[in-house]
Amino acid sequence: MKTVLKLSKITNIIALCFLIFGAYGLIFTGFLQVIAAILFLIVCPKDKLIYLYFILVAAFFLLWDGTIARLSWVLIIPPYLLIHLSYIIHSKKI
């Protein structure tokens, strides 16, 4: 399990590195962060914060209308998800 948690942390760091590419990197960042969250869920299935993360991911995709042309309050959710998952993964002691 220790290896899976380390893999989750590394995946999260790689995902954060994709933010350098701006809007193009957001897709890869989101995809890799969901993978990191799934790996973390395997290690810590009783952690309530990870379930909150998945609820917010689902809420974002349910509320998002598919466009990013106009600034909407829904676009506040992805930066929060990024910070939330990074906090969850990196605050867990191995």
C-alpha atoms as a PDB file:
ATOM      1  CA  MET A   1       0.000   0.000   0.000  1.00  0.00           C
ATOM      2  CA  LYS A   2       2.924   2.288   0.671  1.00  0.00           C
ATOM      3  CA  THR A   3       3.966   1.994  -2.972  1.00  0.00           C
ATOM      4  CA  VAL A   4       0.482   2.884  -4.212  1.00  0.00           C
ATOM      5  CA  LEU A   5       0.433   5.996  -2.022  1.00  0.00           C
ATOM      6  CA  LYS A   6       3.835   7.052  -3.354  1.00  0.00           C
ATOM      7  CA  LEU A   7       2.589   6.429  -6.903  1.00  0.00           C
ATOM      8  CA  SER A   8      -0.433   8.603  -6.159  1.00  0.00           C
ATOM      9  CA  LYS A   9       1.834  11.415  -4.935  1.00  0.00           C
ATOM     10  CA  ILE A  10       4.072  11.166  -7.993  1.00  0.00           C
ATOM     11  CA  THR A  11       1.057  11.161 -10.326  1.00  0.00           C
ATOM     12  CA  ASN A  12      -0.244  14.274  -8.596  1.00  0.00           C
ATOM     13  CA  ILE A  13       3.118  16.049  -8.986  1.00  0.00           C
ATOM     14  CA  ILE A  14       3.249  15.160 -12.690  1.00  0.00           C
ATOM     15  CA  ALA A  15      -0.304  16.455 -13.064  1.00  0.00           C
ATOM     16  CA  LEU A  16       0.670  19.746 -11.467  1.00  0.00           C
ATOM     17  CA  CYS A  17       3.589  20.045 -13.892  1.00  0.00           C
ATOM     18  CA  PHE A  18       1.139  20.024 -16.802  1.00  0.00           C
ATOM     19  CA  LEU A  19      -0.210  23.375 -15.567  1.00  0.00           C
ATOM     20  CA  ILE A  20       2.782  24.971 -17.276  1.00  0.00           C
ATOM     21  CA  PHE A  21       1.003  24.435 -20.595  1.00  0.00           C
ATOM     22  CA  GLY A  22      -1.945  26.594 -19.552  1.00  0.00           C
ATOM     23  CA  ALA A  23      -5.371  25.703 -20.914  1.00  0.00           C
ATOM     24  CA  TYR A  24      -3.971  22.787 -22.910  1.00  0.00           C
ATOM     25  CA  GLY A  25      -2.464  21.273 -19.791  1.00  0.00           C
ATOM     26  CA  LEU A  26      -5.704  21.472 -17.797  1.00  0.00           C
ATOM     27  CA  ILE A  27      -7.152  18.428 -19.542  1.00  0.00           C
ATOM     28  CA  PHE A  28      -4.104  16.317 -18.703  1.00  0.00           C
ATOM     29  CA  THR A  29      -3.950  17.740 -15.194  1.00  0.00           C
ATOM     30  CA  GLY A  30      -7.570  16.797 -14.525  1.00  0.00           C
ATOM     31  CA  PHE A  31      -7.155  13.325 -15.998  1.00  0.00           C
ATOM     32  CA  LEU A  32      -4.000  12.584 -13.998  1.00  0.00           C
ATOM     33  CA  GLN A  33      -5.499  13.968 -10.814  1.00  0.00           C
ATOM     34  CA  VAL A  34      -8.502  11.676 -11.121  1.00  0.00           C
ATOM     35  CA  ILE A  35      -6.096   8.747 -11.544  1.00  0.00           C
ATOM     36  CA  ALA A  36      -4.171   9.917  -8.461  1.00  0.00           C
ATOM     37  CA  ALA A  37      -7.457  10.167  -6.536  1.00  0.00           C
ATOM     38  CA  ILE A  38      -8.440   6.629  -7.519  1.00  0.00           C
ATOM     39  CA  LEU A  39      -5.039   5.337  -6.368  1.00  0.00           C
ATOM     40  CA  PHE A  40      -5.431   7.223  -3.093  1.00  0.00           C
ATOM     41  CA  LEU A  41      -8.925   5.772  -2.666  1.00  0.00           C
ATOM     42  CA  ILE A  42      -7.450   2.273  -2.977  1.00  0.00           C
ATOM     43  CA  VAL A  43      -5.001   3.023  -0.155  1.00  0.00           C
ATOM     44  CA  CYS A  44      -7.338   4.997   2.126  1.00  0.00           C
ATOM     45  CA  PRO A  45     -10.952   3.985   1.471  1.00  0.00           C
ATOM     46  CA  LYS A  46     -12.140   5.424   4.806  1.00  0.00           C
ATOM     47  CA  ASP A  47     -10.880   8.969   4.165  1.00  0.00           C
ATOM     48  CA  LYS A  48     -13.941  11.219   3.882  1.00  0.00           C
ATOM     49  CA  LEU A  49     -12.114  14.024   2.078  1.00  0.00           C
ATOM     50  CA  ILE A  50     -11.479  11.840  -0.969  1.00  0.00           C
ATOM     51  CA  TYR A  51     -15.207  11.176  -1.272  1.00  0.00           C
ATOM     52  CA  LEU A  52     -15.811  14.926  -1.133  1.00  0.00           C
ATOM     53  CA  TYR A  53     -13.323  15.271  -3.997  1.00  0.00           C
ATOM     54  CA  PHE A  54     -15.244  12.776  -6.149  1.00  0.00           C
ATOM     55  CA  ILE A  55     -18.567  14.468  -5.313  1.00  0.00           C
ATOM     56  CA  LEU A  56     -17.159  17.825  -6.412  1.00  0.00           C
ATOM     57  CA  VAL A  57     -15.736  16.327  -9.624  1.00  0.00           C
ATOM     58  CA  ALA A  58     -19.161  14.892 -10.432  1.00  0.00           C
ATOM     59  CA  ALA A  59     -20.829  18.204  -9.562  1.00  0.00           C
ATOM     60  CA  PHE A  60     -18.453  20.090 -11.862  1.00  0.00           C
ATOM     61  CA  PHE A  61     -19.222  17.885 -14.840  1.00  0.00           C
ATOM     62  CA  LEU A  62     -22.952  17.953 -14.134  1.00  0.00           C
ATOM     63  CA  LEU A  63     -23.026  21.760 -13.866  1.00  0.00           C
ATOM     64  CA  TRP A  64     -20.607  22.551 -16.685  1.00  0.00           C
ATOM     65  CA  ASP A  65     -22.337  23.388 -19.962  1.00  0.00           C
ATOM     66  CA  GLY A  66     -19.324  22.487 -22.100  1.00  0.00           C
ATOM     67  CA  THR A  67     -18.096  25.987 -22.874  1.00  0.00           C
ATOM     68  CA  ILE A  68     -15.347  28.026 -21.317  1.00  0.00           C
ATOM     69  CA  ALA A  69     -15.984  31.121 -23.422  1.00  0.00           C
ATOM     70  CA  ARG A  70     -17.605  33.025 -20.597  1.00  0.00           C
ATOM     71  CA  LEU A  71     -16.416  33.143 -17.044  1.00  0.00           C
ATOM     72  CA  SER A  72     -18.828  31.315 -14.852  1.00  0.00           C
ATOM     73  CA  TRP A  73     -18.895  30.476 -11.180  1.00  0.00           C
ATOM     74  CA  VAL A  74     -18.510  26.802 -12.177  1.00  0.00           C
ATOM     75  CA  LEU A  75     -14.930  27.536 -13.249  1.00  0.00           C
ATOM     76  CA  ILE A  76     -14.042  28.155  -9.608  1.00  0.00           C
ATOM     77  CA  ILE A  77     -14.391  24.423  -8.912  1.00  0.00           C
ATOM     78  CA  PRO A  78     -11.310  23.083 -10.849  1.00  0.00           C
ATOM     79  CA  PRO A  79      -8.704  25.170  -8.982  1.00  0.00           C
ATOM     80  CA  TYR A  80     -10.331  24.147  -5.706  1.00  0.00           C
ATOM     81  CA  LEU A  81     -10.231  20.481  -6.771  1.00  0.00           C
ATOM     82  CA  LEU A  82      -6.554  20.809  -7.620  1.00  0.00           C
ATOM     83  CA  ILE A  83      -5.705  22.279  -4.219  1.00  0.00           C
ATOM     84  CA  HIS A  84      -8.044  19.920  -2.353  1.00  0.00           C
ATOM     85  CA  LEU A  85      -6.602  16.736  -3.854  1.00  0.00           C
ATOM     86  CA  SER A  86      -3.017  17.935  -3.449  1.00  0.00           C
ATOM     87  CA  TYR A  87      -3.697  18.640   0.220  1.00  0.00           C
ATOM     88  CA  ILE A  88      -5.325  15.241   0.760  1.00  0.00           C
ATOM     89  CA  ILE A  89      -2.531  13.274  -0.923  1.00  0.00           C
ATOM     90  CA  HIS A  90       0.460  15.164   0.437  1.00  0.00           C
ATOM     91  CA  SER A  91      -0.799  15.491   4.014  1.00  0.00           C
ATOM     92  CA  LYS A  92      -1.167  11.723   4.403  1.00  0.00           C
ATOM     93  CA  LYS A  93       1.761  10.245   6.304  1.00  0.00           C
ATOM     94  CA  ILE A  94       3.352   7.172   4.793  1.00  0.00           C
END
